[in-house]
PDB file of N, CA and C in Angstrom:
ATOM      1  N   MET A   1     164.067 146.315 115.604  1.00  0.00           N
ATOM      2  CA  MET A   1     165.242 147.373 114.830  1.00  0.00           C
ATOM      3  C   MET A   1     164.912 148.507 115.631  1.00  0.00           C
ATOM      4  N   GLU A   2     163.709 148.812 115.992  1.00  0.00           N
ATOM      5  CA  GLU A   2     163.239 149.612 116.586  1.00  0.00           C
ATOM      6  C   GLU A   2     163.888 149.669 118.444  1.00  0.00           C
ATOM      7  N   ASP A   3     163.805 148.306 118.798  1.00  0.00           N
ATOM      8  CA  ASP A   3     164.241 148.192 119.979  1.00  0.00           C
ATOM      9  C   ASP A   3     165.789 148.457 120.336  1.00  0.00           C
ATOM     10  N   ARG A   4     166.499 148.151 119.435  1.00  0.00           N
ATOM     11  CA  ARG A   4     167.953 148.381 119.031  1.00  0.00           C
ATOM     12  C   ARG A   4     167.835 149.879 119.124  1.00  0.00           C
ATOM     13  N   LYS A   5     167.465 150.847 118.553  1.00  0.00           N
ATOM     14  CA  LYS A   5     167.208 152.361 118.301  1.00  0.00           C
ATOM     15  C   LYS A   5     166.954 152.891 119.836  1.00  0.00           C
ATOM     16  N   GLN A   6     166.059 152.122 120.539  1.00  0.00           N
ATOM     17  CA  GLN A   6     165.831 152.684 121.748  1.00  0.00           C
ATOM     18  C   GLN A   6     166.355 152.624 122.714  1.00  0.00           C
ATOM     19  N   LYS A   7     167.475 151.266 122.506  1.00  0.00           N
ATOM     20  CA  LYS A   7     168.430 150.996 123.731  1.00  0.00           C
ATOM     21  C   LYS A   7     169.376 151.673 123.301  1.00  0.00           C
ATOM     22  N   PHE A   8     169.973 152.034 122.431  1.00  0.00           N
ATOM     23  CA  PHE A   8     170.919 152.842 121.679  1.00  0.00           C
ATOM     24  C   PHE A   8     170.697 154.425 122.378  1.00  0.00           C
ATOM     25  N   GLU A   9     169.689 154.965 122.201  1.00  0.00           N
ATOM     26  CA  GLU A   9     169.152 156.130 122.539  1.00  0.00           C
ATOM     27  C   GLU A   9     169.078 156.228 124.465  1.00  0.00           C
ATOM     28  N   GLU A  10     168.915 155.306 124.889  1.00  0.00           N
ATOM     29  CA  GLU A  10     168.814 154.973 126.488  1.00  0.00           C
ATOM     30  C   GLU A  10     170.350 155.246 127.018  1.00  0.00           C
ATOM     31  N   GLN A  11     171.086 154.707 126.454  1.00  0.00           N
ATOM     32  CA  GLN A  11     172.423 154.441 126.502  1.00  0.00           C
ATOM     33  C   GLN A  11     173.457 155.931 126.198  1.00  0.00           C
ATOM     34  N   ARG A  12     172.860 156.524 125.465  1.00  0.00           N
ATOM     35  CA  ARG A  12     173.372 157.751 124.849  1.00  0.00           C
ATOM     36  C   ARG A  12     172.700 158.959 125.920  1.00  0.00           C
ATOM     37  N   GLN A  13     171.657 158.710 126.558  1.00  0.00           N
ATOM     38  CA  GLN A  13     171.008 159.737 128.012  1.00  0.00           C
ATOM     39  C   GLN A  13     171.848 159.492 129.058  1.00  0.00           C
ATOM     40  N   ILE A  14     171.958 158.128 129.298  1.00  0.00           N
ATOM     41  CA  ILE A  14     172.830 157.645 130.526  1.00  0.00           C
ATOM     42  C   ILE A  14     173.991 157.974 130.592  1.00  0.00           C
ATOM     43  N   LYS A  15     174.699 158.321 129.097  1.00  0.00           N
ATOM     44  CA  LYS A  15     175.992 159.018 129.108  1.00  0.00           C
ATOM     45  C   LYS A  15     176.028 160.282 129.328  1.00  0.00           C
ATOM     46  N   ARG A  16     175.080 161.151 128.817  1.00  0.00           N
ATOM     47  CA  ARG A  16     175.112 162.600 128.839  1.00  0.00           C
ATOM     48  C   ARG A  16     174.405 162.674 130.313  1.00  0.00           C
ATOM     49  N   GLU A  17     173.617 161.819 131.064  1.00  0.00           N
ATOM     50  CA  GLU A  17     173.766 162.255 132.553  1.00  0.00           C
ATOM     51  C   GLU A  17     174.736 162.046 133.432  1.00  0.00           C
ATOM     52  N   LEU A  18     175.669 161.129 133.006  1.00  0.00           N
ATOM     53  CA  LEU A  18     176.725 160.772 133.505  1.00  0.00           C
ATOM     54  C   LEU A  18     178.091 161.608 133.450  1.00  0.00           C
ATOM     55  N   ASP A  19     178.197 162.164 132.373  1.00  0.00           N
ATOM     56  CA  ASP A  19     179.317 163.030 131.785  1.00  0.00           C
ATOM     57  C   ASP A  19     179.655 164.276 132.806  1.00  0.00           C
ATOM     58  N   PRO A  20     178.511 165.052 133.398  1.00  0.00           N
ATOM     59  CA  PRO A  20     178.821 165.959 134.392  1.00  0.00           C
ATOM     60  C   PRO A  20     179.559 165.229 135.727  1.00  0.00           C
ATOM     61  N   VAL A  21     178.850 164.275 135.899  1.00  0.00           N
ATOM     62  CA  VAL A  21     179.370 163.418 137.316  1.00  0.00           C
ATOM     63  C   VAL A  21     180.892 163.032 136.973  1.00  0.00           C
ATOM     64  N   ILE A  22     181.019 162.617 136.184  1.00  0.00           N
ATOM     65  CA  ILE A  22     182.473 162.155 135.575  1.00  0.00           C
ATOM     66  C   ILE A  22     183.623 163.397 135.956  1.00  0.00           C
ATOM     67  N   ALA A  23     182.953 164.532 135.108  1.00  0.00           N
ATOM     68  CA  ALA A  23     183.814 165.583 135.172  1.00  0.00           C
ATOM     69  C   ALA A  23     183.865 166.114 136.086  1.00  0.00           C
ATOM     70  N   GLU A  24     183.127 166.288 137.186  1.00  0.00           N
ATOM     71  CA  GLU A  24     183.099 166.640 138.913  1.00  0.00           C
ATOM     72  C   GLU A  24     184.180 165.796 139.494  1.00  0.00           C
ATOM     73  N   LEU A  25     184.118 164.293 139.305  1.00  0.00           N
ATOM     74  CA  LEU A  25     185.017 163.706 139.816  1.00  0.00           C
ATOM     75  C   LEU A  25     186.604 163.932 139.322  1.00  0.00           C
ATOM     76  N   GLU A  26     186.476 164.043 138.026  1.00  0.00           N
ATOM     77  CA  GLU A  26     187.879 164.200 137.704  1.00  0.00           C
ATOM     78  C   GLU A  26     188.613 165.732 138.255  1.00  0.00           C
ATOM     79  N   GLU A  27     187.497 166.405 138.346  1.00  0.00           N
ATOM     80  CA  GLU A  27     187.981 167.816 139.095  1.00  0.00           C
ATOM     81  C   GLU A  27     188.500 167.657 140.661  1.00  0.00           C
ATOM     82  N   LEU A  28     187.785 166.748 141.003  1.00  0.00           N
ATOM     83  CA  LEU A  28     188.308 166.356 142.553  1.00  0.00           C
ATOM     84  C   LEU A  28     189.676 165.634 142.339  1.00  0.00           C
ATOM     85  N   GLY A  29     190.245 165.330 141.330  1.00  0.00           N
ATOM     86  CA  GLY A  29     191.093 164.560 141.215  1.00  0.00           C
ATOM     87  C   GLY A  29     191.354 163.152 141.399  1.00  0.00           C
ATOM     88  N   ILE A  30     190.193 162.698 141.249  1.00  0.00           N
ATOM     89  CA  ILE A  30     189.811 161.368 140.809  1.00  0.00           C
ATOM     90  C   ILE A  30     190.376 160.481 139.344  1.00  0.00           C
ATOM     91  N   ASP A  31     191.279 160.058 139.460  1.00  0.00           N
ATOM     92  CA  ASP A  31     191.737 159.359 138.482  1.00  0.00           C
ATOM     93  C   ASP A  31     192.119 158.177 138.209  1.00  0.00           C
ATOM     94  N   PRO A  32     191.778 156.772 137.561  1.00  0.00           N
ATOM     95  CA  PRO A  32     191.914 155.610 137.573  1.00  0.00           C
ATOM     96  C   PRO A  32     193.266 155.307 137.099  1.00  0.00           C
ATOM     97  N   GLU A  33     194.136 156.006 136.425  1.00  0.00           N
ATOM     98  CA  GLU A  33     195.270 155.626 135.726  1.00  0.00           C
ATOM     99  C   GLU A  33     196.675 156.379 136.505  1.00  0.00           C
ATOM    100  N   ILE A  34     196.470 156.604 137.849  1.00  0.00           N
ATOM    101  CA  ILE A  34     197.576 157.300 138.515  1.00  0.00           C
ATOM    102  C   ILE A  34     198.289 156.261 139.537  1.00  0.00           C
ATOM    103  N   THR A  35     199.426 156.721 139.795  1.00  0.00           N
ATOM    104  CA  THR A  35     200.330 155.448 140.559  1.00  0.00           C
ATOM    105  C   THR A  35     200.039 155.799 142.123  1.00  0.00           C
ATOM    106  N   ASP A  36     200.512 154.750 142.672  1.00  0.00           N
ATOM    107  CA  ASP A  36     200.138 154.766 144.448  1.00  0.00           C
ATOM    108  C   ASP A  36     200.780 155.938 144.917  1.00  0.00           C
ATOM    109  N   GLU A  37     202.090 156.112 144.513  1.00  0.00           N
ATOM    110  CA  GLU A  37     202.822 157.164 145.093  1.00  0.00           C
ATOM    111  C   GLU A  37     202.155 158.569 145.093  1.00  0.00           C
ATOM    112  N   GLU A  38     201.306 158.712 143.917  1.00  0.00           N
ATOM    113  CA  GLU A  38     200.750 159.940 143.834  1.00  0.00           C
ATOM    114  C   GLU A  38     198.860 160.413 144.681  1.00  0.00           C
ATOM    115  N   LEU A  39     198.772 159.069 145.396  1.00  0.00           N
ATOM    116  CA  LEU A  39     197.486 158.880 145.777  1.00  0.00           C
ATOM    117  C   LEU A  39     197.380 159.296 147.227  1.00  0.00           C
ATOM    118  N   GLN A  40     196.327 159.869 147.625  1.00  0.00           N
ATOM    119  CA  GLN A  40     195.702 159.880 149.171  1.00  0.00           C
ATOM    120  C   GLN A  40     194.361 159.546 149.037  1.00  0.00           C
ATOM    121  N   LYS A  41     193.929 158.928 150.108  1.00  0.00           N
ATOM    122  CA  LYS A  41     192.574 158.510 150.372  1.00  0.00           C
ATOM    123  C   LYS A  41     191.376 159.702 150.455  1.00  0.00           C
ATOM    124  N   ILE A  42     190.233 159.416 149.753  1.00  0.00           N
ATOM    125  CA  ILE A  42     189.318 160.428 150.139  1.00  0.00           C
ATOM    126  C   ILE A  42     187.747 159.651 150.153  1.00  0.00           C
ATOM    127  N   GLY A  43     187.060 159.956 150.947  1.00  0.00           N
ATOM    128  CA  GLY A  43     185.833 159.150 151.463  1.00  0.00           C
ATOM    129  C   GLY A  43     184.636 159.998 150.655  1.00  0.00           C
ATOM    130  N   LEU A  44     183.512 159.052 150.702  1.00  0.00           N
ATOM    131  CA  LEU A  44     182.248 159.653 150.103  1.00  0.00           C
ATOM    132  C   LEU A  44     181.548 160.918 151.215  1.00  0.00           C
ATOM    133  N   GLY A  45     182.240 160.581 152.193  1.00  0.00           N
ATOM    134  CA  GLY A  45     181.745 162.154 152.991  1.00  0.00           C
ATOM    135  C   GLY A  45     182.338 163.010 152.926  1.00  0.00           C
ATOM    136  N   ASP A  46     183.912 163.083 152.374  1.00  0.00           N
ATOM    137  CA  ASP A  46     184.555 164.148 152.141  1.00  0.00           C
ATOM    138  C   ASP A  46     183.676 164.998 150.656  1.00  0.00           C
ATOM    139  N   ILE A  47     183.230 163.966 149.779  1.00  0.00           N
ATOM    140  CA  ILE A  47     182.646 164.320 148.743  1.00  0.00           C
ATOM    141  C   ILE A  47     181.479 165.060 148.993  1.00  0.00           C
ATOM    142  N   VAL A  48     180.751 164.835 149.752  1.00  0.00           N
ATOM    143  CA  VAL A  48     179.593 165.249 150.145  1.00  0.00           C
ATOM    144  C   VAL A  48     179.657 166.376 150.706  1.00  0.00           C
ATOM    145  N   GLU A  49     180.257 166.355 151.845  1.00  0.00           N
ATOM    146  CA  GLU A  49     180.983 167.780 152.400  1.00  0.00           C
ATOM    147  C   GLU A  49     181.322 168.991 151.527  1.00  0.00           C
ATOM    148  N   GLY A  50     182.250 168.635 150.410  1.00  0.00           N
ATOM    149  CA  GLY A  50     182.764 169.488 149.606  1.00  0.00           C
ATOM    150  C   GLY A  50     181.379 169.898 148.710  1.00  0.00           C
ATOM    151  N   VAL A  51     180.711 169.033 148.366  1.00  0.00           N
ATOM    152  CA  VAL A  51     179.683 169.414 147.393  1.00  0.00           C
ATOM    153  C   VAL A  51     178.727 170.509 148.129  1.00  0.00           C
ATOM    154  N   LEU A  52     178.339 170.036 149.030  1.00  0.00           N
ATOM    155  CA  LEU A  52     177.357 170.955 149.925  1.00  0.00           C
ATOM    156  C   LEU A  52     178.021 171.918 150.231  1.00  0.00           C
ATOM    157  N   THR A  53     179.311 172.254 150.339  1.00  0.00           N
ATOM    158  CA  THR A  53     180.019 173.422 150.857  1.00  0.00           C
ATOM    159  C   THR A  53     180.303 174.189 149.680  1.00  0.00           C
ATOM    160  N   LYS A  54     180.183 173.841 148.543  1.00  0.00           N
ATOM    161  CA  LYS A  54     180.118 174.762 146.937  1.00  0.00           C
ATOM    162  C   LYS A  54     178.661 175.345 147.034  1.00  0.00           C
ATOM    163  N   TRP A  55     177.840 174.976 147.757  1.00  0.00           N
ATOM    164  CA  TRP A  55     176.699 175.411 147.168  1.00  0.00           C
ATOM    165  C   TRP A  55     176.274 176.060 148.561  1.00  0.00           C
ATOM    166  N   GLY A  56     177.257 176.213 149.575  1.00  0.00           N
ATOM    167  CA  GLY A  56     176.772 177.227 150.342  1.00  0.00           C
ATOM    168  C   GLY A  56     176.451 176.509 151.573  1.00  0.00           C
ATOM    169  N   ILE A  57     176.091 175.214 151.625  1.00  0.00           N
ATOM    170  CA  ILE A  57     175.452 174.801 152.975  1.00  0.00           C
ATOM    171  C   ILE A  57     176.553 174.115 153.711  1.00  0.00           C
ATOM    172  N   THR A  58     176.785 174.704 154.974  1.00  0.00           N
ATOM    173  CA  THR A  58     177.927 174.435 155.730  1.00  0.00           C
ATOM    174  C   THR A  58     177.009 173.953 157.167  1.00  0.00           C
ATOM    175  N   GLN A  59     178.096 173.517 158.143  1.00  0.00           N
ATOM    176  CA  GLN A  59     177.294 172.697 159.320  1.00  0.00           C
ATOM    177  C   GLN A  59     176.421 173.910 160.171  1.00  0.00           C
ATOM    178  N   GLU A  60     177.246 174.867 159.960  1.00  0.00           N
ATOM    179  CA  GLU A  60     176.853 176.118 160.902  1.00  0.00           C
ATOM    180  C   GLU A  60     175.491 176.522 160.252  1.00  0.00           C
ATOM    181  N   ARG A  61     175.303 176.562 159.093  1.00  0.00           N
ATOM    182  CA  ARG A  61     174.124 177.311 158.164  1.00  0.00           C
ATOM    183  C   ARG A  61     173.092 176.127 158.609  1.00  0.00           C
ATOM    184  N   TYR A  62     173.335 174.741 158.262  1.00  0.00           N
ATOM    185  CA  TYR A  62     172.424 173.600 158.529  1.00  0.00           C
ATOM    186  C   TYR A  62     172.029 173.752 160.290  1.00  0.00           C
ATOM    187  N   LYS A  63     173.134 173.994 161.005  1.00  0.00           N
ATOM    188  CA  LYS A  63     172.177 174.097 162.632  1.00  0.00           C
ATOM    189  C   LYS A  63     171.394 175.169 162.753  1.00  0.00           C
ATOM    190  N   SER A  64     172.055 176.271 162.195  1.00  0.00           N
ATOM    191  CA  SER A  64     170.729 177.552 162.325  1.00  0.00           C
ATOM    192  C   SER A  64     169.382 177.173 161.397  1.00  0.00           C
ATOM    193  N   TRP A  65     169.405 176.657 160.655  1.00  0.00           N
ATOM    194  CA  TRP A  65     167.938 176.413 159.711  1.00  0.00           C
ATOM    195  C   TRP A  65     167.307 175.576 160.720  1.00  0.00           C
ATOM    196  N   LEU A  66     167.829 174.305 161.115  1.00  0.00           N
ATOM    197  CA  LEU A  66     167.134 173.509 161.875  1.00  0.00           C
ATOM    198  C   LEU A  66     166.934 173.582 163.650  1.00  0.00           C
ATOM    199  N   GLY A  67     167.742 175.133 163.867  1.00  0.00           N
ATOM    200  CA  GLY A  67     167.553 175.058 165.382  1.00  0.00           C
ATOM    201  C   GLY A  67     168.310 174.417 166.074  1.00  0.00           C
ATOM    202  N   LEU A  68     169.278 173.682 165.713  1.00  0.00           N
ATOM    203  CA  LEU A  68     170.300 172.515 166.083  1.00  0.00           C
ATOM    204  C   LEU A  68     171.485 173.094 166.927  1.00  0.00           C
ATOM    205  N   GLN A  69     171.720 172.570 168.220  1.00  0.00           N
ATOM    206  CA  GLN A  69     173.037 172.629 168.863  1.00  0.00           C
ATOM    207  C   GLN A  69     174.160 172.114 168.206  1.00  0.00           C
ATOM    208  N   GLU A  70     173.645 170.803 167.884  1.00  0.00           N
ATOM    209  CA  GLU A  70     174.726 169.787 166.915  1.00  0.00           C
ATOM    210  C   GLU A  70     174.127 169.169 166.147  1.00  0.00           C
ATOM    211  N   CYS A  71     174.383 168.981 164.743  1.00  0.00           N
ATOM    212  CA  CYS A  71     174.278 168.259 163.613  1.00  0.00           C
ATOM    213  C   CYS A  71     174.535 166.880 163.394  1.00  0.00           C
ATOM    214  N   LYS A  72     175.691 166.441 164.296  1.00  0.00           N
ATOM    215  CA  LYS A  72     176.438 165.045 163.845  1.00  0.00           C
ATOM    216  C   LYS A  72     176.869 165.197 162.488  1.00  0.00           C
ATOM    217  N   CYS A  73     177.009 166.179 162.150  1.00  0.00           N
ATOM    218  CA  CYS A  73     178.001 166.046 160.564  1.00  0.00           C
ATOM    219  C   CYS A  73     178.875 165.442 160.407  1.00  0.00           C
ATOM    220  N   SER A  74     179.539 165.494 161.584  1.00  0.00           N
ATOM    221  CA  SER A  74     181.134 164.767 161.282  1.00  0.00           C
ATOM    222  C   SER A  74     181.152 163.618 161.530  1.00  0.00           C
ATOM    223  N   ASN A  75     179.963 162.810 162.391  1.00  0.00           N
ATOM    224  CA  ASN A  75     179.685 161.491 162.618  1.00  0.00           C
ATOM    225  C   ASN A  75     179.371 161.163 161.093  1.00  0.00           C
ATOM    226  N   ARG A  76     178.464 161.622 160.708  1.00  0.00           N
ATOM    227  CA  ARG A  76     178.084 161.409 159.213  1.00  0.00           C
ATOM    228  C   ARG A  76     178.802 160.935 157.986  1.00  0.00           C
ATOM    229  N   LYS A  77     179.677 162.266 158.134  1.00  0.00           N
ATOM    230  CA  LYS A  77     180.854 162.294 157.169  1.00  0.00           C
ATOM    231  C   LYS A  77     181.821 160.957 157.459  1.00  0.00           C
ATOM    232  N   MET A  78     182.107 160.951 159.006  1.00  0.00           N
ATOM    233  CA  MET A  78     183.074 159.535 158.918  1.00  0.00           C
ATOM    234  C   MET A  78     182.585 158.143 158.758  1.00  0.00           C
ATOM    235  N   TRP A  79     181.161 158.033 159.133  1.00  0.00           N
ATOM    236  CA  TRP A  79     180.377 157.162 158.555  1.00  0.00           C
ATOM    237  C   TRP A  79     180.469 156.836 157.103  1.00  0.00           C
ATOM    238  N   LEU A  80     180.173 157.899 156.248  1.00  0.00           N
ATOM    239  CA  LEU A  80     180.359 158.042 154.784  1.00  0.00           C
ATOM    240  C   LEU A  80     181.628 157.501 154.422  1.00  0.00           C
ATOM    241  N   ASN A  81     182.819 158.147 155.009  1.00  0.00           N
ATOM    242  CA  ASN A  81     183.968 157.882 154.805  1.00  0.00           C
ATOM    243  C   ASN A  81     184.387 156.743 154.774  1.00  0.00           C
ATOM    244  N   ASN A  82     184.070 155.618 155.882  1.00  0.00           N
ATOM    245  CA  ASN A  82     184.084 154.219 156.063  1.00  0.00           C
ATOM    246  C   ASN A  82     183.270 153.597 155.340  1.00  0.00           C
ATOM    247  N   PHE A  83     182.185 153.820 154.875  1.00  0.00           N
ATOM    248  CA  PHE A  83     181.672 153.080 154.009  1.00  0.00           C
ATOM    249  C   PHE A  83     181.984 152.811 152.469  1.00  0.00           C
ATOM    250  N   LEU A  84     182.558 154.039 152.034  1.00  0.00           N
ATOM    251  CA  LEU A  84     183.090 154.008 150.585  1.00  0.00           C
ATOM    252  C   LEU A  84     183.919 155.226 150.668  1.00  0.00           C
ATOM    253  N   SER A  85     185.076 154.698 150.489  1.00  0.00           N
ATOM    254  CA  SER A  85     186.488 155.683 149.878  1.00  0.00           C
ATOM    255  C   SER A  85     187.211 155.074 149.037  1.00  0.00           C
ATOM    256  N   TRP A  86     188.137 156.233 148.401  1.00  0.00           N
ATOM    257  CA  TRP A  86     188.755 155.549 147.085  1.00  0.00           C
ATOM    258  C   TRP A  86     190.233 156.457 147.282  1.00  0.00           C
ATOM    259  N   LYS A  87     190.936 156.575 146.374  1.00  0.00           N
ATOM    260  CA  LYS A  87     192.443 156.941 146.544  1.00  0.00           C
ATOM    261  C   LYS A  87     191.907 157.764 145.218  1.00  0.00           C
ATOM    262  N   VAL A  88     192.698 158.954 145.604  1.00  0.00           N
ATOM    263  CA  VAL A  88     192.716 160.177 144.498  1.00  0.00           C
ATOM    264  C   VAL A  88     194.090 161.134 144.267  1.00  0.00           C
ATOM    265  N   SER A  89     194.688 161.847 143.510  1.00  0.00           N
ATOM    266  CA  SER A  89     195.569 162.540 143.113  1.00  0.00           C
ATOM    267  C   SER A  89     195.711 163.390 144.614  1.00  0.00           C
ATOM    268  N   LYS A  90     196.920 163.493 144.798  1.00  0.00           N
ATOM    269  CA  LYS A  90     197.787 164.628 145.858  1.00  0.00           C
ATOM    270  C   LYS A  90     197.653 165.998 145.390  1.00  0.00           C
ATOM    271  N   LYS A  91     197.691 165.867 144.074  1.00  0.00           N
ATOM    272  CA  LYS A  91     197.927 167.267 143.517  1.00  0.00           C
ATOM    273  C   LYS A  91     196.184 167.999 143.494  1.00  0.00           C
ATOM    274  N   SER A  92     195.153 167.183 143.314  1.00  0.00           N
ATOM    275  CA  SER A  92     194.049 168.223 143.662  1.00  0.00           C
ATOM    276  C   SER A  92     193.932 168.794 144.808  1.00  0.00           C
TER     277      SER A  92
END
């Protein structure tokens, strides 16, 4: 009985941790029930860039912090987009 109770509590904790992630994805327009006509492709690199930008971390700021001429952020973004992408609502 105690094992079931512990597993249930672990599952509730996972749900609590995932709820903000799901809310952020929904805010970005990710909806599994949308039709193909309403979709555009978005990648992991786009999401990472958007989140970092929200926090004020831009390519220019990153380069200045590290004293770089070039950070190759665009290359990493493209790689991440090719690694993982999905379709989201064009309305977002």
